[in-house]
């Protein structure tokens, strides 16, 4: 495929533009998932259209086996060496989006975000791009300050990728945020058969990893009182030879452990250190891929990489492609282990999954006779299910069907319970100076623990059984007991609390008794408190009679130190 050159303002590429670059000596397009998308080209200065190869102009080229011609904006041109120049260009979507300013805006769902990006008034200047997505999310976006379209798309906190996750697909001026690029395929790339070169990522080196550990515990006198046997990582067989390290676990025990306890701790520790990086670069014969239709292979596809020399047999995604435009073949495919991207998947899911409530406090000075109650909360975005706001109302409510607006956003109805709204009386609303806790249920702001003293008390039995049809009084203690009982029964919750634990090598074991359990539960929900830069998970497989194993990591590295987190234990499991 011969590249062509176009003027900088071109938006349609059905023609040859200024003309085809017939004296190109090499041309390659590199693309990685949610990363670089660039073209590198060498061109003889004798090319008939060399005069049009200028910074800012556009070169079109086929980027891979399946996509149509794509536009790349020229960013740099080297000096002439031996009668030719090297041209570097980036995809039009990456180059131009850096230059388009987006006004501050807020919107409640991903669908409305996409609609806003397709609306001209969202931008301070004209925007030639259109957006689409196959993802759905009720999480909103609140952009307090203007920023470039590129920053809004990803790479910074509060961007689309940060909030919703996903993977971008670019087609010139069309940008799609997809749940997942590529497909599951039966393609096998085997070294010695159709793989012509195989290079391991630096992460496959010994740095930060080991195959085994010899653990020991020392007394205050520095004598190794307990020494365990070597504990081997479950990933030890992935390495060509053993690397066993000695580790002092004295600080991990309050008193001298038994040999079995020391070995158990060491085994959990080594299993977090022994997983190698399996990002590989494979060069291969395009026309000898087993079970592959080479003309359809693309970025994001899952393939099987087999190399018996290194004992490698992984189902891995193609995370980057390097395509030879002139020969119309791939130079290199970079594939990465699916396990290495699991944390990214969890991160993208967390924005729309259930979390423990976020607590806020504000003062409302809206007049009693005004239905829309306005408050300001620095840093608050779109309401999420479970959010709790304690509001001190300077004035009583004098308006039926009041609403709450936060930071000038959408006014959402306030309810006493269900769909019943507060009235203008203090008995069914609030007095001046009252602090009212509102909980967002996904539709309304509901007053927490509504209390009407004009009624007699409802029995505890009726509360827990949801029986009785007459309105009545619920005391604070009885309300708490009844609410807790129904929530636990409905959701299968056996324990809920916010706790602080000290993680060592990214792990901590919580005794079953501390959670009121006699056996490990099927599901535990974990939410770090006041931290957005860490991930946590419950390791069901390695939990047992000694307790439940909780793992924590930051940017792929095991976390050490104290961590405050919410924990909810469920007795039920869901598929």
Protein backbone atom coordinates (compact mmCIF):
# COMPACT_ATOMS: atom_id res chain seq x y z
CA UNK A 1 0.00 0.00 0.00
CA UNK A 2 1.48 3.33 -1.06
CA UNK A 3 0.94 6.27 1.36
CA UNK A 4 -0.45 9.58 0.11
CA UNK A 5 -0.05 13.16 1.31
CA UNK A 6 -2.93 15.59 1.99
CA UNK A 7 -3.27 19.21 3.10
CA UNK A 8 -3.51 19.92 6.83
CA UNK A 9 -7.22 20.78 6.69
CA UNK A 10 -8.32 17.62 4.87
CA UNK A 11 -11.18 15.67 6.44
CA UNK A 12 -11.97 13.26 3.60
CA UNK A 13 -9.42 10.82 2.24
CA UNK A 14 -11.19 9.12 -0.66
CA UNK A 15 -8.75 10.66 -3.18
CA UNK A 16 -4.95 10.76 -3.35
CA UNK A 17 -4.82 14.33 -2.03
CA UNK A 18 -1.67 16.03 -3.29
CA UNK A 19 -0.58 12.65 -4.60
CA UNK A 20 0.90 9.26 -3.77
CA UNK A 21 4.38 9.07 -2.25
CA UNK A 22 5.89 6.63 -4.72
CA UNK A 23 9.49 6.82 -3.46
CA UNK A 24 8.89 5.72 0.11
CA UNK A 25 11.63 3.27 1.18
CA UNK A 26 9.98 2.19 4.46
CA UNK A 27 6.73 2.91 6.24
CA UNK A 28 5.52 1.40 9.51
CA UNK A 29 2.48 2.07 11.71
CA UNK A 30 2.64 1.29 15.42
CA UNK A 31 -0.47 1.17 17.62
CA UNK A 32 -0.98 0.01 21.18
CA UNK A 33 -4.15 -0.33 23.25
CA UNK A 34 -5.06 3.09 24.70
CA UNK A 35 -1.58 4.27 23.80
CA UNK A 36 0.60 5.46 20.97
CA UNK A 37 -0.71 5.46 17.40
CA UNK A 38 2.05 6.68 15.09
CA UNK A 39 3.59 6.40 11.65
CA UNK A 40 7.29 6.36 10.76
CA UNK A 41 8.26 6.80 7.12
CA UNK A 42 11.47 7.24 5.14
CA UNK A 43 11.21 9.03 1.82
CA UNK A 44 13.61 9.94 -0.98
CA UNK A 45 13.81 13.67 -1.60
CA UNK A 46 13.38 12.96 -5.32
CA UNK A 47 9.76 11.92 -4.75
CA UNK A 48 7.49 13.97 -7.06
CA UNK A 49 5.38 15.07 -4.07
CA UNK A 50 8.20 15.67 -1.60
CA UNK A 51 7.42 19.42 -1.50
CA UNK A 52 4.06 18.64 0.18
CA UNK A 53 5.66 16.63 2.99
CA UNK A 54 5.51 19.44 5.53
CA UNK A 55 4.86 19.61 9.27
CA UNK A 56 1.10 19.79 9.85
CA UNK A 57 0.15 18.10 6.59
CA UNK A 58 -1.41 14.64 6.60
CA UNK A 59 -0.15 11.27 5.39
CA UNK A 60 -2.66 8.48 4.86
CA UNK A 61 -1.67 4.84 5.24
CA UNK A 62 -3.23 1.50 6.00
CA UNK A 63 -2.48 0.84 9.71
CA UNK A 64 -3.12 -2.89 9.92
CA UNK A 65 -4.72 -5.85 8.16
CA UNK A 66 -8.34 -4.83 8.68
CA UNK A 67 -8.81 -1.08 9.08
CA UNK A 68 -9.29 1.42 6.23
CA UNK A 69 -6.80 4.21 5.44
CA UNK A 70 -5.99 6.35 8.48
CA UNK A 71 -4.76 9.93 8.66
CA UNK A 72 -1.50 10.79 10.42
CA UNK A 73 -0.42 14.39 11.06
CA UNK A 74 3.26 15.09 10.34
CA UNK A 75 4.99 16.24 13.52
CA UNK A 76 8.68 16.12 12.57
CA UNK A 77 10.94 15.68 9.53
CA UNK A 78 14.61 14.80 9.86
CA UNK A 79 17.48 16.38 8.00
CA UNK A 80 18.35 14.93 4.62
CA UNK A 81 20.76 12.00 4.98
CA UNK A 82 21.91 10.07 1.91
CA UNK A 83 19.13 11.62 -0.14
CA UNK A 84 16.24 10.68 2.13
CA UNK A 85 14.36 11.97 5.19
CA UNK A 86 12.60 10.30 8.08
CA UNK A 87 9.07 11.49 8.81
CA UNK A 88 7.29 11.01 12.15
CA UNK A 89 3.50 11.45 12.31
CA UNK A 90 0.79 10.78 14.89
CA UNK A 91 -2.78 9.70 14.26
CA UNK A 92 -5.10 12.64 13.62
CA UNK A 93 -7.21 11.69 16.65
CA UNK A 94 -4.25 11.98 18.99
CA UNK A 95 -2.74 15.09 17.42
CA UNK A 96 -5.87 17.21 16.95
CA UNK A 97 -7.61 16.35 20.24
CA UNK A 98 -4.69 17.97 22.09
CA UNK A 99 -5.57 21.26 20.41
CA UNK A 100 -9.34 21.34 21.04
CA UNK A 101 -10.49 23.04 24.30
CA UNK A 102 -13.54 21.65 26.10
CA UNK A 103 -15.66 23.86 28.34
CA UNK A 104 -16.49 22.85 31.91
CA UNK A 105 -19.64 20.71 32.03
CA UNK A 106 -21.40 18.11 34.15
CA UNK A 107 -23.69 15.29 33.07
CA UNK A 108 -25.22 12.30 34.91
CA UNK A 109 -24.49 9.24 32.74
CA UNK A 110 -21.99 7.95 30.20
CA UNK A 111 -24.63 8.18 27.47
CA UNK A 112 -25.14 11.86 28.21
CA UNK A 113 -21.35 12.37 28.24
CA UNK A 114 -21.17 10.99 24.70
CA UNK A 115 -24.11 13.22 23.66
CA UNK A 116 -22.28 16.23 25.08
CA UNK A 117 -19.11 15.36 23.17
CA UNK A 118 -21.17 15.27 19.98
CA UNK A 119 -22.62 18.73 20.72
CA UNK A 120 -20.80 21.76 19.33
CA UNK A 121 -21.58 23.97 22.34
CA UNK A 122 -19.44 21.70 24.53
CA UNK A 123 -16.32 23.08 22.84
CA UNK A 124 -14.74 26.52 22.88
CA UNK A 125 -13.79 25.98 19.20
CA UNK A 126 -15.08 23.75 16.44
CA UNK A 127 -14.50 20.02 16.86
CA UNK A 128 -14.43 17.67 13.82
CA UNK A 129 -14.62 14.47 15.91
CA UNK A 130 -17.65 12.29 16.62
CA UNK A 131 -17.88 9.93 19.59
CA UNK A 132 -19.68 6.66 20.29
CA UNK A 133 -19.56 3.86 22.85
CA UNK A 134 -20.88 0.35 23.46
CA UNK A 135 -20.55 0.80 27.23
CA UNK A 136 -23.32 1.78 29.63
CA UNK A 137 -22.88 3.45 33.01
CA UNK A 138 -25.05 5.46 35.39
CA UNK A 139 -21.93 7.17 36.69
CA UNK A 140 -21.78 10.82 35.71
CA UNK A 141 -18.95 13.20 34.89
CA UNK A 142 -18.33 16.60 36.41
CA UNK A 143 -15.59 18.68 34.79
CA UNK A 144 -15.17 21.78 36.93
CA UNK A 145 -12.47 23.41 34.80
CA UNK A 146 -11.88 23.51 31.03
CA UNK A 147 -9.32 21.10 29.62
CA UNK A 148 -8.18 19.75 26.29
CA UNK A 149 -10.23 17.06 24.61
CA UNK A 150 -7.23 14.73 24.81
CA UNK A 151 -6.98 15.13 28.59
CA UNK A 152 -10.73 14.56 28.91
CA UNK A 153 -10.41 11.33 26.94
CA UNK A 154 -7.69 9.81 29.11
CA UNK A 155 -4.37 9.99 30.88
CA UNK A 156 -5.43 12.20 33.80
CA UNK A 157 -7.61 11.85 36.87
CA UNK A 158 -11.28 12.40 36.10
CA UNK A 159 -10.92 11.48 32.41
CA UNK A 160 -13.24 9.12 30.56
CA UNK A 161 -10.77 6.25 30.88
CA UNK A 162 -10.27 7.00 34.56
CA UNK A 163 -14.01 6.95 35.30
CA UNK A 164 -15.40 4.41 32.83
CA UNK A 165 -12.44 2.29 31.71
CA UNK A 166 -12.63 0.68 28.28
CA UNK A 167 -10.48 0.79 25.16
CA UNK A 168 -10.45 3.39 22.40
CA UNK A 169 -10.90 2.55 18.73
CA UNK A 170 -9.93 5.29 16.27
CA UNK A 171 -11.17 5.67 12.70
CA UNK A 172 -9.86 9.04 11.53
CA UNK A 173 -12.36 11.54 12.97
CA UNK A 174 -14.57 8.88 14.59
CA UNK A 175 -13.65 7.83 18.13
CA UNK A 176 -15.29 4.88 19.91
CA UNK A 177 -14.92 4.01 23.59
CA UNK A 178 -15.38 0.24 23.63
CA UNK A 179 -15.78 -2.20 26.47
CA UNK A 180 -13.20 -4.42 24.81
CA UNK A 181 -11.32 -4.33 21.51
CA UNK A 182 -10.60 -7.48 19.58
CA UNK A 183 -11.98 -11.01 19.72
CA UNK A 184 -11.27 -14.42 21.18
CA UNK A 185 -9.51 -16.38 18.43
CA UNK A 186 -8.07 -19.86 17.94
CA UNK A 187 -4.85 -18.47 16.49
CA UNK A 188 -1.70 -20.25 17.69
CA UNK A 189 1.73 -18.69 17.29
CA UNK A 190 4.38 -21.37 17.90
CA UNK A 191 8.13 -20.80 18.05
CA UNK A 192 9.99 -22.94 15.54
CA UNK A 193 6.90 -23.36 13.40
CA UNK A 194 5.41 -19.99 12.57
CA UNK A 195 7.06 -17.68 15.14
CA UNK A 196 10.35 -16.47 13.68
CA UNK A 197 11.50 -14.39 16.65
CA UNK A 198 10.64 -14.24 20.33
CA UNK A 199 11.70 -11.51 22.79
CA UNK A 200 10.81 -11.39 26.47
CA UNK A 201 9.90 -8.15 28.17
CA UNK A 202 12.36 -6.84 30.78
CA UNK A 203 9.76 -7.66 33.41
CA UNK A 204 10.55 -11.36 32.85
CA UNK A 205 13.94 -10.79 34.50
CA UNK A 206 14.69 -11.74 38.10
CA UNK A 207 14.18 -8.21 39.41
CA UNK A 208 11.48 -8.24 42.09
CA UNK A 209 10.68 -11.92 41.64
CA UNK A 210 11.82 -15.25 43.05
CA UNK A 211 10.95 -18.93 42.76
CA UNK A 212 11.30 -19.82 46.44
CA UNK A 213 11.92 -18.49 49.94
CA UNK A 214 13.77 -19.88 52.95
CA UNK A 215 11.95 -18.24 55.90
CA UNK A 216 13.27 -17.66 59.41
CA UNK A 217 12.25 -15.95 62.67
CA UNK A 218 14.70 -14.43 65.17
CA UNK A 219 14.49 -13.74 68.87
CA UNK A 220 15.51 -10.43 70.42
CA UNK A 221 19.05 -11.77 70.68
CA UNK A 222 19.26 -12.15 66.94
CA UNK A 223 19.32 -15.94 66.96
CA UNK A 224 17.30 -17.75 64.31
CA UNK A 225 15.03 -19.73 66.61
CA UNK A 226 12.70 -20.93 63.85
CA UNK A 227 13.78 -21.79 60.33
CA UNK A 228 11.30 -23.24 57.88
CA UNK A 229 11.75 -25.36 54.80
CA UNK A 230 12.01 -23.70 51.40
CA UNK A 231 8.58 -22.66 50.12
CA UNK A 232 8.20 -22.55 46.34
CA UNK A 233 6.03 -20.17 44.34
CA UNK A 234 3.18 -21.61 42.32
CA UNK A 235 4.85 -19.93 39.34
CA UNK A 236 8.29 -21.45 39.92
CA UNK A 237 8.02 -23.76 36.90
CA UNK A 238 7.77 -20.75 34.60
CA UNK A 239 11.47 -19.97 35.15
CA UNK A 240 14.41 -21.77 33.55
CA UNK A 241 16.16 -22.24 36.93
CA UNK A 242 15.56 -21.63 40.62
CA UNK A 243 16.08 -18.39 42.49
CA UNK A 244 15.54 -18.89 46.22
CA UNK A 245 15.85 -15.98 48.63
CA UNK A 246 16.16 -15.90 52.43
CA UNK A 247 13.72 -13.63 54.26
CA UNK A 248 13.44 -12.59 57.92
CA UNK A 249 9.76 -12.63 58.90
CA UNK A 250 10.35 -11.71 62.57
CA UNK A 251 8.35 -8.49 62.39
CA UNK A 252 5.38 -10.34 60.93
CA UNK A 253 4.67 -12.22 64.16
CA UNK A 254 3.95 -10.81 67.63
CA UNK A 255 5.38 -13.94 69.25
CA UNK A 256 7.49 -16.87 68.15
CA UNK A 257 5.60 -18.82 65.44
CA UNK A 258 5.59 -22.54 64.94
CA UNK A 259 7.47 -23.87 61.95
CA UNK A 260 4.14 -24.58 60.22
CA UNK A 261 2.90 -21.02 60.83
CA UNK A 262 6.15 -19.57 59.51
CA UNK A 263 6.01 -21.72 56.38
CA UNK A 264 2.36 -20.87 55.74
CA UNK A 265 3.14 -17.15 55.90
CA UNK A 266 6.17 -17.58 53.67
CA UNK A 267 4.15 -19.52 51.09
CA UNK A 268 1.59 -16.72 50.84
CA UNK A 269 4.44 -14.22 50.55
CA UNK A 270 6.30 -16.01 47.76
CA UNK A 271 3.13 -16.45 45.73
CA UNK A 272 2.94 -12.66 45.45
CA UNK A 273 6.59 -12.40 44.39
CA UNK A 274 6.87 -15.25 41.95
CA UNK A 275 4.63 -14.14 39.07
CA UNK A 276 6.77 -13.11 36.10
CA UNK A 277 5.80 -10.54 33.54
CA UNK A 278 4.86 -12.33 30.36
CA UNK A 279 4.67 -9.50 27.88
CA UNK A 280 6.26 -10.87 24.70
CA UNK A 281 7.15 -9.57 21.27
CA UNK A 282 6.65 -12.10 18.48
CA UNK A 283 7.74 -11.83 14.87
CA UNK A 284 6.24 -14.54 12.72
CA UNK A 285 5.46 -15.91 9.30
CA UNK A 286 2.20 -14.24 8.28
CA UNK A 287 1.15 -17.14 6.14
CA UNK A 288 1.75 -19.99 8.56
CA UNK A 289 -0.47 -19.12 11.52
CA UNK A 290 -2.29 -22.22 12.72
CA UNK A 291 -6.09 -21.82 12.89
CA UNK A 292 -5.71 -18.17 11.90
CA UNK A 293 -7.27 -16.10 9.21
CA UNK A 294 -4.35 -13.74 8.91
CA UNK A 295 -6.30 -11.08 7.05
CA UNK A 296 -8.55 -10.52 10.06
CA UNK A 297 -6.06 -10.49 12.96
CA UNK A 298 -6.21 -7.16 14.84
CA UNK A 299 -5.29 -5.24 17.96
CA UNK A 300 -7.00 -6.61 21.06
CA UNK A 301 -7.44 -10.15 19.71
CA UNK A 302 -6.63 -13.03 22.04
CA UNK A 303 -4.12 -15.53 20.64
CA UNK A 304 -2.17 -18.45 22.07
CA UNK A 305 1.62 -18.04 22.22
CA UNK A 306 3.59 -21.25 22.57
CA UNK A 307 7.35 -21.49 23.08
CA UNK A 308 8.50 -24.80 24.54
CA UNK A 309 12.07 -23.49 24.94
CA UNK A 310 10.87 -21.04 27.61
CA UNK A 311 7.95 -23.17 28.78
CA UNK A 312 5.55 -20.48 27.58
CA UNK A 313 1.95 -21.33 26.77
CA UNK A 314 -0.29 -18.35 27.35
CA UNK A 315 -3.63 -17.10 26.15
CA UNK A 316 -2.68 -13.51 25.58
CA UNK A 317 -4.11 -10.38 24.03
CA UNK A 318 -2.43 -8.49 21.25
CA UNK A 319 -1.66 -5.22 23.04
CA UNK A 320 0.40 -3.58 20.27
CA UNK A 321 0.94 -3.99 16.53
CA UNK A 322 3.79 -2.87 14.29
CA UNK A 323 2.56 -2.98 10.68
CA UNK A 324 4.63 -2.75 7.49
CA UNK A 325 2.52 -0.52 5.25
CA UNK A 326 4.47 -1.27 2.05
CA UNK A 327 4.54 -5.06 2.42
CA UNK A 328 1.12 -5.16 4.14
CA UNK A 329 2.33 -7.56 6.84
CA UNK A 330 2.93 -7.25 10.57
CA UNK A 331 6.53 -6.71 11.60
CA UNK A 332 5.86 -7.49 15.26
CA UNK A 333 2.90 -8.33 17.46
CA UNK A 334 3.23 -7.57 21.16
CA UNK A 335 1.12 -9.83 23.33
CA UNK A 336 0.52 -9.54 27.07
CA UNK A 337 -0.75 -12.04 29.63
CA UNK A 338 -4.42 -11.55 30.44
CA UNK A 339 -3.62 -11.91 34.14
CA UNK A 340 -1.46 -8.80 33.94
CA UNK A 341 -4.48 -6.70 32.87
CA UNK A 342 -6.92 -8.07 35.45
CA UNK A 343 -6.31 -5.16 37.81
CA UNK A 344 -7.22 -2.78 34.98
CA UNK A 345 -10.47 -4.68 34.48
CA UNK A 346 -11.27 -4.47 38.20
CA UNK A 347 -10.45 -0.77 38.12
CA UNK A 348 -12.81 -0.12 35.22
CA UNK A 349 -15.56 -2.12 36.91
CA UNK A 350 -15.21 -0.32 40.23
CA UNK A 351 -16.63 2.95 38.87
CA UNK A 352 -20.05 1.35 38.36
CA UNK A 353 -20.10 -1.32 41.10
CA UNK A 354 -21.58 -1.10 44.59
CA UNK A 355 -19.39 0.70 47.13
CA UNK A 356 -19.72 1.74 50.73
CA UNK A 357 -21.37 5.17 51.21
CA UNK A 358 -19.45 8.40 50.67
CA UNK A 359 -20.11 10.79 53.55
CA UNK A 360 -20.38 14.58 53.13
CA UNK A 361 -21.42 17.59 55.20
CA UNK A 362 -22.86 20.89 54.02
CA UNK A 363 -24.89 23.90 55.16
CA UNK A 364 -28.01 24.96 53.27
CA UNK A 365 -29.07 28.61 53.54
CA UNK A 366 -31.94 28.42 51.03
CA UNK A 367 -35.05 30.26 52.22
CA UNK A 368 -37.90 28.19 53.65
CA UNK A 369 -40.29 29.29 50.88
CA UNK A 370 -37.93 28.10 48.08
CA UNK A 371 -38.51 24.51 46.97
CA UNK A 372 -35.03 23.93 45.48
CA UNK A 373 -32.52 23.64 48.31
CA UNK A 374 -29.01 24.49 47.11
CA UNK A 375 -25.74 23.37 48.68
CA UNK A 376 -22.07 23.52 47.67
CA UNK A 377 -19.72 20.55 48.10
CA UNK A 378 -16.13 20.98 46.92
CA UNK A 379 -14.98 17.97 44.93
CA UNK A 380 -18.43 16.38 44.70
CA UNK A 381 -19.54 15.08 41.31
CA UNK A 382 -22.68 13.22 40.31
CA UNK A 383 -24.68 11.52 43.13
CA UNK A 384 -23.92 7.82 43.50
CA UNK A 385 -26.16 5.21 45.08
CA UNK A 386 -25.41 5.09 48.81
CA UNK A 387 -23.98 8.62 49.08
CA UNK A 388 -24.81 10.22 52.45
CA UNK A 389 -24.92 13.96 53.01
CA UNK A 390 -25.49 15.53 56.43
CA UNK A 391 -27.06 18.94 55.79
CA UNK A 392 -27.58 21.67 58.37
CA UNK A 393 -30.63 23.65 57.25
CA UNK A 394 -30.49 27.28 58.37
CA UNK A 395 -34.21 27.59 57.74
CA UNK A 396 -37.15 25.24 58.15
CA UNK A 397 -38.83 23.84 55.07
CA UNK A 398 -41.86 25.83 54.01
CA UNK A 399 -42.46 24.26 50.62
CA UNK A 400 -44.07 20.97 49.60
CA UNK A 401 -42.05 18.60 47.40
CA UNK A 402 -38.60 20.10 48.07
CA UNK A 403 -35.58 19.20 45.93
CA UNK A 404 -31.82 19.25 46.43
CA UNK A 405 -29.30 20.70 43.97
CA UNK A 406 -25.56 20.20 44.54
CA UNK A 407 -23.06 22.61 42.99
CA UNK A 408 -25.75 23.92 40.65
CA UNK A 409 -26.49 20.47 39.24
CA UNK A 410 -29.79 18.72 38.58
CA UNK A 411 -32.41 19.23 41.31
CA UNK A 412 -33.35 15.81 42.76
CA UNK A 413 -36.48 15.26 44.83
CA UNK A 414 -36.19 14.83 48.61
CA UNK A 415 -38.38 12.09 50.12
CA UNK A 416 -39.24 11.14 53.68
CA UNK A 417 -39.58 7.48 52.75
CA UNK A 418 -40.47 5.69 49.52
CA UNK A 419 -42.07 8.29 47.30
CA UNK A 420 -43.58 10.35 50.15
CA UNK A 421 -42.26 13.90 50.14
CA UNK A 422 -41.85 16.21 53.15
CA UNK A 423 -44.65 18.74 53.58
CA UNK A 424 -44.54 22.30 54.90
CA UNK A 425 -45.10 21.33 58.54
CA UNK A 426 -42.17 20.79 60.89
CA UNK A 427 -43.68 17.46 61.97
CA UNK A 428 -43.26 16.05 58.46
CA UNK A 429 -40.23 18.08 57.39
CA UNK A 430 -37.45 19.77 59.42
CA UNK A 431 -37.00 22.69 61.78
CA UNK A 432 -34.61 25.60 61.41
CA UNK A 433 -31.13 24.56 62.47
CA UNK A 434 -31.81 20.84 62.00
CA UNK A 435 -29.08 18.55 60.68
CA UNK A 436 -30.72 16.10 58.29
CA UNK A 437 -28.95 13.09 56.80
CA UNK A 438 -29.97 12.36 53.21
CA UNK A 439 -29.11 9.10 51.42
CA UNK A 440 -29.23 8.84 47.63
CA UNK A 441 -31.10 5.69 46.52
CA UNK A 442 -30.51 6.17 42.80
CA UNK A 443 -33.70 8.18 42.29
CA UNK A 444 -34.32 10.34 45.36
CA UNK A 445 -32.52 11.87 48.31
CA UNK A 446 -34.22 10.00 51.17
CA UNK A 447 -34.18 11.34 54.73
CA UNK A 448 -32.33 8.83 56.87
CA UNK A 449 -34.22 7.45 59.87
CA UNK A 450 -37.44 9.41 59.40
CA UNK A 451 -39.13 9.88 62.80
CA UNK A 452 -42.69 11.07 63.37
CA UNK A 453 -43.47 11.42 67.09
CA UNK A 454 -47.25 11.63 66.54
CA UNK A 455 -47.43 7.85 66.17
CA UNK A 456 -47.15 5.01 68.65
CA UNK A 457 -44.23 2.63 68.46
CA UNK A 458 -44.16 -0.20 65.93
CA UNK A 459 -43.20 -3.56 67.35
CA UNK A 460 -39.76 -4.96 66.63
CA UNK A 461 -41.35 -8.13 65.24
CA UNK A 462 -43.39 -6.18 62.67
CA UNK A 463 -40.31 -4.21 61.64
CA UNK A 464 -38.22 -7.30 61.03
CA UNK A 465 -41.06 -9.18 59.31
CA UNK A 466 -42.17 -6.12 57.30
CA UNK A 467 -45.65 -6.77 58.70
CA UNK A 468 -48.44 -4.35 59.63
CA UNK A 469 -50.08 -1.59 57.60
CA UNK A 470 -50.58 1.16 60.19
CA UNK A 471 -48.14 4.03 60.49
CA UNK A 472 -46.29 4.16 63.77
CA UNK A 473 -43.27 5.37 65.72
CA UNK A 474 -39.87 3.74 65.35
CA UNK A 475 -37.35 4.60 68.06
CA UNK A 476 -33.74 5.14 67.11
CA UNK A 477 -32.53 1.85 68.56
CA UNK A 478 -35.42 -0.10 67.08
CA UNK A 479 -34.98 1.54 63.70
CA UNK A 480 -31.30 0.60 63.66
CA UNK A 481 -32.03 -2.97 64.69
CA UNK A 482 -34.86 -3.35 62.18
CA UNK A 483 -32.99 -1.75 59.32
CA UNK A 484 -29.89 -3.83 60.03
CA UNK A 485 -31.95 -7.01 60.25
CA UNK A 486 -33.74 -6.49 56.92
CA UNK A 487 -30.62 -5.45 55.04
CA UNK A 488 -28.67 -8.41 56.33
CA UNK A 489 -31.48 -10.84 55.59
CA UNK A 490 -32.10 -9.47 52.09
CA UNK A 491 -28.50 -9.26 50.97
CA UNK A 492 -27.15 -12.15 52.99
CA UNK A 493 -24.81 -9.85 54.92
CA UNK A 494 -23.25 -11.40 58.01
CA UNK A 495 -20.76 -8.65 58.87
CA UNK A 496 -20.21 -5.02 57.93
CA UNK A 497 -17.68 -2.60 59.41
CA UNK A 498 -14.82 -0.22 58.71
CA UNK A 499 -11.54 -1.60 60.01
CA UNK A 500 -7.81 -0.86 59.98
CA UNK A 501 -5.29 -3.59 59.27
CA UNK A 502 -1.55 -3.66 58.59
CA UNK A 503 -0.56 -5.19 55.24
CA UNK A 504 2.74 -6.94 54.77
CA UNK A 505 3.88 -7.74 51.24
CA UNK A 506 0.40 -6.80 50.09
CA UNK A 507 -1.42 -9.28 52.33
CA UNK A 508 -3.20 -9.54 55.66
CA UNK A 509 -5.13 -12.44 57.17
CA UNK A 510 -8.21 -11.59 59.24
CA UNK A 511 -9.20 -14.36 61.70
CA UNK A 512 -12.61 -15.87 61.04
CA UNK A 513 -13.67 -15.13 64.61
CA UNK A 514 -13.08 -11.40 64.09
CA UNK A 515 -15.75 -11.51 61.38
CA UNK A 516 -18.16 -13.71 63.32
CA UNK A 517 -17.49 -16.63 60.97
CA UNK A 518 -16.74 -20.33 61.34
CA UNK A 519 -15.78 -20.89 57.72
CA UNK A 520 -14.61 -18.74 54.84
CA UNK A 521 -17.46 -16.87 53.08
CA UNK A 522 -18.09 -16.94 49.29
CA UNK A 523 -18.11 -13.16 48.85
CA UNK A 524 -16.43 -10.21 50.59
CA UNK A 525 -16.82 -6.63 49.38
CA UNK A 526 -13.81 -4.39 50.12
CA UNK A 527 -13.58 -0.62 49.74
CA UNK A 528 -10.42 1.36 50.61
CA UNK A 529 -11.26 4.47 52.64
CA UNK A 530 -9.85 7.84 51.58
CA UNK A 531 -7.64 6.14 48.99
CA UNK A 532 -8.21 6.02 45.24
CA UNK A 533 -4.76 4.77 44.28
CA UNK A 534 -4.97 1.23 45.67
CA UNK A 535 -6.85 -1.94 44.75
CA UNK A 536 -7.99 -4.70 47.09
CA UNK A 537 -9.38 -8.19 46.69
CA UNK A 538 -10.45 -11.17 48.74
CA UNK A 539 -8.36 -14.25 47.90
CA UNK A 540 -10.93 -17.02 48.35
CA UNK A 541 -8.64 -19.83 47.19
CA UNK A 542 -5.93 -19.09 49.77
CA UNK A 543 -8.32 -18.41 52.65
CA UNK A 544 -9.13 -21.16 55.08
CA UNK A 545 -9.52 -22.11 58.71
CA UNK A 546 -6.89 -19.59 59.81
CA UNK A 547 -8.82 -16.68 58.37
CA UNK A 548 -9.66 -14.78 55.20
CA UNK A 549 -6.75 -13.51 53.10
CA UNK A 550 -7.06 -9.91 51.86
CA UNK A 551 -4.65 -8.61 49.22
CA UNK A 552 -3.81 -4.98 48.47
CA UNK A 553 -1.64 -3.42 45.80
CA UNK A 554 -0.82 -0.02 44.40
CA UNK A 555 0.05 0.38 40.73
CA UNK A 556 0.76 -3.33 40.48
CA UNK A 557 3.09 -3.37 43.52
CA UNK A 558 2.23 -5.12 46.79
CA UNK A 559 1.19 -2.58 49.45
CA UNK A 560 2.88 -2.47 52.86
CA UNK A 561 1.50 -0.53 55.83
CA UNK A 562 -1.75 0.35 57.54
CA UNK A 563 -4.93 0.53 55.44
CA UNK A 564 -8.40 1.62 56.53
CA UNK A 565 -11.11 -0.11 54.52
CA UNK A 566 -14.76 -1.04 54.58
CA UNK A 567 -15.57 -4.74 54.64
CA UNK A 568 -18.93 -6.40 53.97
CA UNK A 569 -19.22 -10.18 54.30
CA UNK A 570 -21.95 -12.02 52.38
CA UNK A 571 -23.20 -15.53 53.02
CA UNK A 572 -24.62 -15.77 49.51
CA UNK A 573 -22.77 -16.10 46.22
CA UNK A 574 -23.88 -14.69 42.87
CA UNK A 575 -22.88 -15.82 39.40
